[in-house]
Amino acid sequence: MKIRVLAVGPKMPKWVSDGAGDYLKRMPRDIPIEFVALALGARGKSASTEIAIAQEGDTMLAHIKPEDHVVALDLAGKAWSTVELSEQLQQWREQARNLVLLIGGPDGLDPRCLARANQKWCLSNLTLPHPLVRVLLSEQLYRAWSITQNHPYHK
């Protein structure tokens, strides 16, 4: 199983790649995690937010294969505890499908991306900055994996 995180937004600061990278390199070889940065849709006086979201959606959907299991990070999604996330991770591994996690832009995910998602996950009820989401997501995926392996990291 491979995990790809499709994240809309600008280039992240170094502390994000350092923080997320620390957890990504700890993941086992059979569950690699790849972050794919996607361009923001055009915003401004001459471009509407809806058009920008649609552009981001077009790009995101182009990166998703029909056989991928897609999880959208969305406030309306289900909030999982760390233990529940580890159970989800185990289920995803047993499906033997690649996992794609979607992180929308500043105005959220395109409705077509939400419709394509097999699951919706609320990472937090708090409003988090995109850089922090990447680090938090990396750490929680590593922690979930450590639980499935009875690794002492979770303790």
C-alpha atoms as a PDB file:
ATOM      1  CA  MET A   1       0.000   0.000   0.000  1.00  0.00           C
ATOM      2  CA  LYS A   2       1.191   3.479  -0.850  1.00  0.00           C
ATOM      3  CA  ILE A   3      -0.183   6.642   0.680  1.00  0.00           C
ATOM      4  CA  ARG A   4      -0.312   9.831  -1.350  1.00  0.00           C
ATOM      5  CA  VAL A   5      -1.379  13.100   0.189  1.00  0.00           C
ATOM      6  CA  LEU A   6      -2.704  15.542  -2.393  1.00  0.00           C
ATOM      7  CA  ALA A   7      -2.398  18.963  -0.805  1.00  0.00           C
ATOM      8  CA  VAL A   8      -3.453  22.230  -2.422  1.00  0.00           C
ATOM      9  CA  GLY A   9      -1.283  25.163  -1.486  1.00  0.00           C
ATOM     10  CA  PRO A  10       1.936  27.062  -1.922  1.00  0.00           C
ATOM     11  CA  LYS A  11       5.419  25.762  -1.223  1.00  0.00           C
ATOM     12  CA  MET A  12       5.798  24.923   2.454  1.00  0.00           C
ATOM     13  CA  PRO A  13       8.466  26.374   4.729  1.00  0.00           C
ATOM     14  CA  LYS A  14      11.467  24.251   5.682  1.00  0.00           C
ATOM     15  CA  TRP A  15      10.144  23.471   9.153  1.00  0.00           C
ATOM     16  CA  VAL A  16       7.219  21.634   7.529  1.00  0.00           C
ATOM     17  CA  SER A  17       9.402  19.397   5.381  1.00  0.00           C
ATOM     18  CA  ASP A  18      11.680  18.807   8.391  1.00  0.00           C
ATOM     19  CA  GLY A  19       8.800  18.021  10.753  1.00  0.00           C
ATOM     20  CA  ALA A  20       6.780  15.856   8.384  1.00  0.00           C
ATOM     21  CA  GLY A  21       9.939  14.293   6.959  1.00  0.00           C
ATOM     22  CA  ASP A  22      10.981  13.021  10.360  1.00  0.00           C
ATOM     23  CA  TYR A  23       7.820  10.898  10.566  1.00  0.00           C
ATOM     24  CA  LEU A  24       7.757   9.947   6.887  1.00  0.00           C
ATOM     25  CA  LYS A  25      11.209   8.389   7.077  1.00  0.00           C
ATOM     26  CA  ARG A  26      10.120   6.310  10.077  1.00  0.00           C
ATOM     27  CA  MET A  27       7.310   4.670   8.113  1.00  0.00           C
ATOM     28  CA  PRO A  28       8.014   1.139   6.909  1.00  0.00           C
ATOM     29  CA  ARG A  29       8.984   0.587   3.293  1.00  0.00           C
ATOM     30  CA  ASP A  30       5.713  -1.171   2.555  1.00  0.00           C
ATOM     31  CA  ILE A  31       3.717   1.972   3.509  1.00  0.00           C
ATOM     32  CA  PRO A  32       5.514   4.897   1.904  1.00  0.00           C
ATOM     33  CA  ILE A  33       3.868   8.308   2.221  1.00  0.00           C
ATOM     34  CA  GLU A  34       4.273  10.867  -0.536  1.00  0.00           C
ATOM     35  CA  PHE A  35       3.082  14.464  -0.369  1.00  0.00           C
ATOM     36  CA  VAL A  36       2.049  15.918  -3.716  1.00  0.00           C
ATOM     37  CA  ALA A  37       1.771  19.712  -3.702  1.00  0.00           C
ATOM     38  CA  LEU A  38      -0.919  21.024  -6.035  1.00  0.00           C
ATOM     39  CA  ALA A  39      -1.180  24.593  -7.285  1.00  0.00           C
ATOM     40  CA  LEU A  40      -3.777  26.959  -5.901  1.00  0.00           C
ATOM     41  CA  GLY A  41      -6.534  27.939  -8.285  1.00  0.00           C
ATOM     42  CA  ALA A  42      -6.394  31.506  -9.569  1.00  0.00           C
ATOM     43  CA  ARG A  43      -7.930  33.925  -7.088  1.00  0.00           C
ATOM     44  CA  GLY A  44      -8.366  37.647  -7.320  1.00  0.00           C
ATOM     45  CA  LYS A  45     -10.664  40.378  -8.470  1.00  0.00           C
ATOM     46  CA  SER A  46     -11.201  38.818 -11.890  1.00  0.00           C
ATOM     47  CA  ALA A  47     -11.522  35.181 -10.733  1.00  0.00           C
ATOM     48  CA  SER A  48     -14.239  33.844  -8.498  1.00  0.00           C
ATOM     49  CA  THR A  49     -13.618  31.530  -5.561  1.00  0.00           C
ATOM     50  CA  GLU A  50     -15.849  28.891  -7.181  1.00  0.00           C
ATOM     51  CA  ILE A  51     -13.657  28.871 -10.295  1.00  0.00           C
ATOM     52  CA  ALA A  52     -10.521  28.564  -8.160  1.00  0.00           C
ATOM     53  CA  ILE A  53     -11.983  25.630  -6.229  1.00  0.00           C
ATOM     54  CA  ALA A  54     -13.011  23.976  -9.508  1.00  0.00           C
ATOM     55  CA  GLN A  55      -9.475  24.408 -10.897  1.00  0.00           C
ATOM     56  CA  GLU A  56      -8.042  22.810  -7.755  1.00  0.00           C
ATOM     57  CA  GLY A  57     -10.601  20.018  -8.061  1.00  0.00           C
ATOM     58  CA  ASP A  58      -9.649  19.358 -11.691  1.00  0.00           C
ATOM     59  CA  THR A  59      -5.999  19.029 -10.701  1.00  0.00           C
ATOM     60  CA  MET A  60      -6.768  16.859  -7.694  1.00  0.00           C
ATOM     61  CA  LEU A  61      -9.077  14.505  -9.600  1.00  0.00           C
ATOM     62  CA  ALA A  62      -6.458  14.113 -12.328  1.00  0.00           C
ATOM     63  CA  HIS A  63      -4.095  12.651  -9.684  1.00  0.00           C
ATOM     64  CA  ILE A  64      -6.597  10.039  -8.472  1.00  0.00           C
ATOM     65  CA  LYS A  65      -6.777   6.614 -10.082  1.00  0.00           C
ATOM     66  CA  PRO A  66     -10.079   4.731 -10.264  1.00  0.00           C
ATOM     67  CA  GLU A  67      -8.773   1.982  -7.980  1.00  0.00           C
ATOM     68  CA  ASP A  68      -7.498   4.383  -5.268  1.00  0.00           C
ATOM     69  CA  HIS A  69      -9.201   4.520  -1.885  1.00  0.00           C
ATOM     70  CA  VAL A  70      -9.778   8.234  -1.288  1.00  0.00           C
ATOM     71  CA  VAL A  71     -10.137   9.945   2.076  1.00  0.00           C
ATOM     72  CA  ALA A  72     -11.023  13.633   2.104  1.00  0.00           C
ATOM     73  CA  LEU A  73      -9.931  15.706   5.081  1.00  0.00           C
ATOM     74  CA  ASP A  74     -13.073  17.670   5.760  1.00  0.00           C
ATOM     75  CA  LEU A  75     -14.713  19.329   8.768  1.00  0.00           C
ATOM     76  CA  ALA A  76     -17.898  17.382   8.028  1.00  0.00           C
ATOM     77  CA  GLY A  77     -15.976  14.103   8.187  1.00  0.00           C
ATOM     78  CA  LYS A  78     -15.768  11.604  11.010  1.00  0.00           C
ATOM     79  CA  ALA A  79     -13.393  12.418  13.848  1.00  0.00           C
ATOM     80  CA  TRP A  80     -11.236   9.388  14.642  1.00  0.00           C
ATOM     81  CA  SER A  81      -9.278   8.809  17.798  1.00  0.00           C
ATOM     82  CA  THR A  82      -5.710   7.643  17.309  1.00  0.00           C
ATOM     83  CA  VAL A  83      -6.762   4.066  18.043  1.00  0.00           C
ATOM     84  CA  GLU A  84      -9.603   4.347  15.514  1.00  0.00           C
ATOM     85  CA  LEU A  85      -7.127   5.721  12.971  1.00  0.00           C
ATOM     86  CA  SER A  86      -4.870   2.711  13.564  1.00  0.00           C
ATOM     87  CA  GLU A  87      -7.862   0.440  12.925  1.00  0.00           C
ATOM     88  CA  GLN A  88      -8.600   2.383   9.732  1.00  0.00           C
ATOM     89  CA  LEU A  89      -4.967   2.056   8.647  1.00  0.00           C
ATOM     90  CA  GLN A  90      -5.147  -1.703   9.181  1.00  0.00           C
ATOM     91  CA  GLN A  91      -8.364  -1.908   7.147  1.00  0.00           C
ATOM     92  CA  TRP A  92      -6.818   0.142   4.346  1.00  0.00           C
ATOM     93  CA  ARG A  93      -3.796  -2.180   4.303  1.00  0.00           C
ATOM     94  CA  GLU A  94      -6.051  -5.236   4.137  1.00  0.00           C
ATOM     95  CA  GLN A  95      -7.867  -3.746   1.118  1.00  0.00           C
ATOM     96  CA  ALA A  96      -4.526  -3.798  -0.723  1.00  0.00           C
ATOM     97  CA  ARG A  97      -5.413  -0.546  -2.463  1.00  0.00           C
ATOM     98  CA  ASN A  98      -3.430   2.638  -2.550  1.00  0.00           C
ATOM     99  CA  LEU A  99      -4.684   5.367  -0.246  1.00  0.00           C
ATOM    100  CA  VAL A 100      -5.068   8.984  -1.335  1.00  0.00           C
ATOM    101  CA  LEU A 101      -5.678  11.681   1.291  1.00  0.00           C
ATOM    102  CA  LEU A 102      -7.066  15.015   0.088  1.00  0.00           C
ATOM    103  CA  ILE A 103      -6.228  18.367   1.669  1.00  0.00           C
ATOM    104  CA  GLY A 104      -8.132  21.220   0.075  1.00  0.00           C
ATOM    105  CA  GLY A 105      -7.078  24.783  -0.487  1.00  0.00           C
ATOM    106  CA  PRO A 106      -8.001  27.827   1.612  1.00  0.00           C
ATOM    107  CA  ASP A 107     -11.649  27.554   0.580  1.00  0.00           C
ATOM    108  CA  GLY A 108     -11.961  23.795   1.015  1.00  0.00           C
ATOM    109  CA  LEU A 109     -12.355  20.883  -1.357  1.00  0.00           C
ATOM    110  CA  ASP A 110     -14.235  20.902  -4.626  1.00  0.00           C
ATOM    111  CA  PRO A 111     -17.607  19.138  -4.208  1.00  0.00           C
ATOM    112  CA  ARG A 112     -16.533  16.647  -6.904  1.00  0.00           C
ATOM    113  CA  CYS A 113     -13.559  15.643  -4.746  1.00  0.00           C
ATOM    114  CA  LEU A 114     -15.827  15.153  -1.751  1.00  0.00           C
ATOM    115  CA  ALA A 115     -18.149  13.057  -3.906  1.00  0.00           C
ATOM    116  CA  ARG A 116     -15.199  10.927  -5.110  1.00  0.00           C
ATOM    117  CA  ALA A 117     -14.024  10.285  -1.554  1.00  0.00           C
ATOM    118  CA  ASN A 118     -14.697   6.855  -0.106  1.00  0.00           C
ATOM    119  CA  GLN A 119     -14.439   8.346   3.374  1.00  0.00           C
ATOM    120  CA  LYS A 120     -14.335  11.775   4.986  1.00  0.00           C
ATOM    121  CA  TRP A 121     -12.081  12.384   7.971  1.00  0.00           C
ATOM    122  CA  CYS A 122     -12.174  15.375  10.308  1.00  0.00           C
ATOM    123  CA  LEU A 123      -8.580  15.706  11.470  1.00  0.00           C
ATOM    124  CA  SER A 124      -9.589  18.338  14.033  1.00  0.00           C
ATOM    125  CA  ASN A 125     -12.478  20.632  14.837  1.00  0.00           C
ATOM    126  CA  LEU A 126      -9.889  23.376  15.160  1.00  0.00           C
ATOM    127  CA  THR A 127      -8.975  25.495  12.173  1.00  0.00           C
ATOM    128  CA  LEU A 128      -5.395  24.490  11.433  1.00  0.00           C
ATOM    129  CA  PRO A 129      -2.916  26.164   9.101  1.00  0.00           C
ATOM    130  CA  HIS A 130      -2.020  24.019   6.100  1.00  0.00           C
ATOM    131  CA  PRO A 131       1.642  23.639   7.115  1.00  0.00           C
ATOM    132  CA  LEU A 132       0.668  22.291  10.525  1.00  0.00           C
ATOM    133  CA  VAL A 133      -1.839  19.869   8.970  1.00  0.00           C
ATOM    134  CA  ARG A 134       0.968  18.218   7.000  1.00  0.00           C
ATOM    135  CA  VAL A 135       3.097  17.694  10.090  1.00  0.00           C
ATOM    136  CA  LEU A 136       0.172  16.561  12.232  1.00  0.00           C
ATOM    137  CA  LEU A 137      -1.057  14.165   9.547  1.00  0.00           C
ATOM    138  CA  SER A 138       2.416  12.636   9.157  1.00  0.00           C
ATOM    139  CA  GLU A 139       2.783  12.150  12.892  1.00  0.00           C
ATOM    140  CA  GLN A 140      -0.673  10.619  13.304  1.00  0.00           C
ATOM    141  CA  LEU A 141      -0.142   8.174  10.434  1.00  0.00           C
ATOM    142  CA  TYR A 142       3.151   7.108  11.999  1.00  0.00           C
ATOM    143  CA  ARG A 143       1.512   6.793  15.409  1.00  0.00           C
ATOM    144  CA  ALA A 144      -1.346   4.740  13.920  1.00  0.00           C
ATOM    145  CA  TRP A 145       1.171   2.420  12.254  1.00  0.00           C
ATOM    146  CA  SER A 146       3.101   2.090  15.536  1.00  0.00           C
ATOM    147  CA  ILE A 147      -0.087   0.927  17.269  1.00  0.00           C
ATOM    148  CA  THR A 148      -0.691  -1.756  14.631  1.00  0.00           C
ATOM    149  CA  GLN A 149       2.840  -3.039  15.279  1.00  0.00           C
ATOM    150  CA  ASN A 150       2.760  -2.786  19.095  1.00  0.00           C
ATOM    151  CA  HIS A 151       5.659  -0.376  18.723  1.00  0.00           C
ATOM    152  CA  PRO A 152       6.497   1.578  21.904  1.00  0.00           C
ATOM    153  CA  TYR A 153       6.233   4.993  20.162  1.00  0.00           C
ATOM    154  CA  HIS A 154       2.512   5.218  20.958  1.00  0.00           C
ATOM    155  CA  LYS A 155       3.018   4.869  24.691  1.00  0.00           C
END
